[in-house]
Amino acid sequence: MPSWRRPSRRGKARRARSSDIRESRTIALAQVTSKGQTTIPAEIRAVLHVSPGDLIAWELEPDGSARVRRVQPLDLDYLKAVEGTLSEWMSPADEEAYRDL
């Protein structure tokens, strides 16, 4: 029985809750198409809070395994506003003072 299915009290399988999946190691299988596409299983999408249009990142580990995580979208308006407040630290004197750090 896949780890994302847990027996219920009546002996029938039930879908795992997000908390069930986070507490144990979960393996879900998905087939890769000829175009290199796959479908993220519903249980995994629920735990990662992945919705259509979201970005996911594939991180390759040194041991050859891969980790998948949801990427938080950047708030570009906020970052531009913050960037404007940092201009006071961009003078030639600041560059010289902090060059050797």
Foldseek 3Di string as FASTA:
>chain_A
DFQQWDQDPVRDTDGHDLVSPVVDPGDDDWDADPVRDTDDDPSVCVNQVDDPPWDKDWAADPVGDIDIHTDDDDPVVVVVVVVVVCVVCPDPVNCVVPVVD
